[in-house]
Amino acid sequence: MKLFDRVLLAVYSLVLVALSLLALMMAAGWTTPINYMEIYFNHLQSRWIIGITAALLLLVGLNLFFSNFQRRRTVPAAVSHHTQFGEVRLSITALENLVHRASRKIAGVKEINPRVRPGSDGVTVLIQAILLPDQSIPKVSEQLQQQVKDYLQEAAGLDVAEIKVVVQNVSHEGKVRVE
């Protein structure tokens, strides 16, 4: 449920609680609200205000009612493919770990943060990377894309639709030198 719907639900619930308490008090014999309602309904301007308020409450109630039945699109927690023996399901976490493993083979990549999303034509991989200095960013990015694609196809048997690389930063520190 969206934040806006939650706020609407809270306000709507408070209004219903107040109206319910008022109805209970009137049922118990308190007639003052009935007298006020007679006075308000005798004035044209008050009837418009009450009518508009009732229409707004009706619209809010219908909105909350129908939004409860909307289907939410969820991203699957796993990618599946079928073999001759049955179904194989790979979790998104497992695929992201494979991307990590593939990136270790590329010189110039210090750190990555992969996100894998399944799609109808294969998986889409978004890699946020931190590269080492003194490297060709286009060359390292292309090597990373090719390595990840090949590794996912070989290790997981998946089709890769797209690999996006976002270079978040270039590290200040180079490779550690041992003397």
Protein backbone atom coordinates (compact mmCIF):
# COMPACT_ATOMS: atom_id res chain seq x y z
CA MET A 1 0.00 0.00 0.00
CA LYS A 2 1.34 3.41 -0.95
CA LEU A 3 2.00 6.12 1.61
CA PHE A 4 -0.82 8.28 0.24
CA ASP A 5 -3.29 5.39 0.60
CA ARG A 6 -2.11 4.76 4.16
CA VAL A 7 -2.70 8.40 5.10
CA LEU A 8 -6.13 8.29 3.47
CA LEU A 9 -6.94 5.10 5.35
CA ALA A 10 -5.89 6.65 8.67
CA VAL A 11 -8.00 9.79 8.13
CA TYR A 12 -10.93 7.76 6.86
CA SER A 13 -10.74 5.45 9.88
CA LEU A 14 -10.70 8.40 12.30
CA VAL A 15 -13.74 9.94 10.62
CA LEU A 16 -15.59 6.61 10.81
CA VAL A 17 -14.68 6.22 14.49
CA ALA A 18 -15.97 9.74 15.24
CA LEU A 19 -19.22 9.12 13.33
CA SER A 20 -19.68 5.77 15.07
CA LEU A 21 -19.21 7.34 18.50
CA LEU A 22 -21.66 10.08 17.61
CA ALA A 23 -24.23 7.49 16.45
CA LEU A 24 -23.78 5.47 19.65
CA MET A 25 -24.26 8.56 21.81
CA MET A 26 -27.38 9.52 19.86
CA ALA A 27 -28.73 5.96 20.27
CA ALA A 28 -28.14 6.28 24.01
CA GLY A 29 -30.41 9.33 24.16
CA TRP A 30 -28.20 12.36 23.49
CA THR A 31 -30.37 14.51 21.21
CA THR A 32 -28.15 17.57 20.78
CA PRO A 33 -26.54 16.31 17.53
CA ILE A 34 -30.01 15.68 16.06
CA ASN A 35 -31.04 19.26 16.85
CA TYR A 36 -27.86 20.61 15.22
CA MET A 37 -28.43 18.45 12.15
CA GLU A 38 -31.94 19.87 11.74
CA ILE A 39 -30.54 23.41 11.89
CA TYR A 40 -27.74 22.64 9.39
CA PHE A 41 -30.02 20.94 6.89
CA ASN A 42 -32.38 23.92 6.89
CA HIS A 43 -29.66 26.19 5.38
CA LEU A 44 -28.75 25.76 1.72
CA GLN A 45 -25.05 26.53 2.22
CA SER A 46 -24.75 23.94 4.99
CA ARG A 47 -26.40 21.30 2.83
CA TRP A 48 -23.80 21.93 0.09
CA ILE A 49 -20.96 21.57 2.59
CA ILE A 50 -22.43 18.34 4.01
CA GLY A 51 -23.08 16.99 0.49
CA ILE A 52 -19.52 17.73 -0.72
CA THR A 53 -18.03 16.22 2.46
CA ALA A 54 -20.16 13.08 2.04
CA ALA A 55 -19.17 12.78 -1.62
CA LEU A 56 -15.46 13.10 -0.72
CA LEU A 57 -15.81 10.43 1.97
CA LEU A 58 -17.56 8.18 -0.53
CA LEU A 59 -14.77 8.66 -3.12
CA VAL A 60 -12.06 8.01 -0.53
CA GLY A 61 -13.84 4.87 0.64
CA LEU A 62 -14.24 3.56 -2.92
CA ASN A 63 -10.60 4.37 -3.71
CA LEU A 64 -9.40 2.43 -0.67
CA PHE A 65 -11.75 -0.43 -1.43
CA PHE A 66 -10.63 -0.87 -5.04
CA SER A 67 -6.93 -0.23 -4.37
CA ASN A 68 -7.05 -3.19 -2.01
CA PHE A 69 -7.79 -5.49 -4.96
CA GLN A 70 -5.09 -4.24 -7.32
CA ARG A 71 -2.39 -6.72 -8.12
CA ARG A 72 1.09 -5.70 -7.25
CA ARG A 73 3.86 -6.53 -9.70
CA THR A 74 6.57 -8.30 -7.83
CA VAL A 75 9.98 -9.19 -9.07
CA PRO A 76 10.49 -12.94 -8.84
CA ALA A 77 12.98 -14.03 -6.21
CA ALA A 78 14.41 -16.63 -8.57
CA VAL A 79 15.04 -17.34 -12.22
CA SER A 80 13.98 -20.72 -13.51
CA HIS A 81 14.73 -22.72 -16.58
CA HIS A 82 13.76 -26.23 -17.56
CA THR A 83 15.99 -29.16 -18.35
CA GLN A 84 15.07 -32.63 -19.51
CA PHE A 85 14.93 -33.72 -15.86
CA GLY A 86 12.85 -30.87 -14.50
CA GLU A 87 13.01 -27.29 -13.34
CA VAL A 88 16.12 -25.51 -12.05
CA ARG A 89 15.57 -22.35 -9.99
CA LEU A 90 18.42 -19.95 -9.32
CA SER A 91 17.92 -17.30 -6.67
CA ILE A 92 18.69 -13.68 -7.46
CA THR A 93 21.30 -13.74 -4.69
CA ALA A 94 23.04 -16.72 -6.31
CA LEU A 95 23.13 -14.91 -9.66
CA GLU A 96 24.52 -11.76 -8.04
CA ASN A 97 27.24 -13.86 -6.42
CA LEU A 98 28.10 -15.32 -9.84
CA VAL A 99 28.44 -11.77 -11.18
CA HIS A 100 30.80 -10.99 -8.27
CA ARG A 101 32.87 -14.04 -9.11
CA ALA A 102 33.07 -13.15 -12.79
CA SER A 103 34.16 -9.58 -12.03
CA ARG A 104 37.15 -10.75 -10.01
CA LYS A 105 38.76 -11.96 -13.22
CA ILE A 106 38.89 -8.43 -14.69
CA ALA A 107 41.99 -6.34 -13.99
CA GLY A 108 41.02 -2.81 -13.11
CA VAL A 109 37.85 -3.61 -11.16
CA LYS A 110 38.15 -2.86 -7.46
CA GLU A 111 34.59 -3.42 -6.28
CA ILE A 112 31.13 -4.01 -7.72
CA ASN A 113 27.54 -3.98 -6.54
CA PRO A 114 25.42 -6.07 -8.95
CA ARG A 115 21.63 -6.16 -9.32
CA VAL A 116 20.04 -8.92 -11.38
CA ARG A 117 16.49 -8.61 -12.70
CA PRO A 118 14.75 -11.38 -14.63
CA GLY A 119 12.95 -10.57 -17.84
CA SER A 120 11.14 -12.35 -20.64
CA ASP A 121 14.14 -12.30 -22.96
CA GLY A 122 16.76 -13.11 -20.30
CA VAL A 123 18.24 -11.49 -17.23
CA THR A 124 19.26 -7.86 -17.04
CA VAL A 125 22.30 -7.08 -14.94
CA LEU A 126 23.08 -3.64 -13.49
CA ILE A 127 26.62 -3.36 -12.18
CA GLN A 128 27.67 -0.39 -10.08
CA ALA A 129 31.46 -0.49 -10.17
CA ILE A 130 34.44 1.17 -8.56
CA LEU A 131 37.46 0.95 -10.84
CA LEU A 132 41.16 1.18 -10.13
CA PRO A 133 43.00 4.29 -11.34
CA ASP A 134 45.04 4.44 -14.55
CA GLN A 135 42.66 2.13 -16.41
CA SER A 136 40.72 2.71 -19.59
CA ILE A 137 37.14 2.96 -18.35
CA PRO A 138 35.51 1.97 -21.67
CA LYS A 139 37.88 -0.99 -22.06
CA VAL A 140 37.41 -2.25 -18.49
CA SER A 141 33.62 -1.78 -18.73
CA GLU A 142 33.44 -3.75 -21.97
CA GLN A 143 35.62 -6.53 -20.56
CA LEU A 144 33.40 -6.65 -17.47
CA GLN A 145 30.24 -6.89 -19.58
CA GLN A 146 31.67 -9.67 -21.75
CA GLN A 147 33.06 -11.63 -18.80
CA VAL A 148 29.79 -11.45 -16.84
CA LYS A 149 27.73 -12.44 -19.90
CA ASP A 150 29.96 -15.41 -20.70
CA TYR A 151 30.13 -16.53 -17.09
CA LEU A 152 26.36 -16.39 -16.53
CA GLN A 153 25.73 -18.28 -19.75
CA GLU A 154 28.33 -20.93 -18.91
CA ALA A 155 27.74 -21.34 -15.17
CA ALA A 156 23.97 -20.83 -14.98
CA GLY A 157 22.83 -21.56 -18.52
CA LEU A 158 20.94 -18.27 -18.70
CA ASP A 159 20.32 -15.88 -21.54
CA VAL A 160 21.60 -12.40 -20.75
CA ALA A 161 19.47 -9.65 -22.26
CA GLU A 162 21.55 -6.67 -21.17
CA ILE A 163 24.39 -5.69 -18.89
CA LYS A 164 24.59 -2.08 -17.77
CA VAL A 165 27.72 -0.80 -16.09
CA VAL A 166 27.65 2.36 -14.00
CA VAL A 167 31.08 3.52 -12.89
CA GLN A 168 30.35 4.95 -9.47
CA ASN A 169 33.90 6.01 -8.72
CA VAL A 170 37.54 5.57 -9.56
CA SER A 171 39.51 4.48 -6.54
CA HIS A 172 42.22 6.76 -5.18
CA GLU A 173 44.45 3.89 -4.24
CA GLY A 174 46.20 1.75 -6.78
CA LYS A 175 47.32 -1.84 -6.49
CA VAL A 176 49.17 -2.71 -3.33
CA ARG A 177 52.93 -2.99 -4.00
CA VAL A 178 54.95 -5.58 -2.17
CA GLU A 179 58.64 -4.74 -1.80
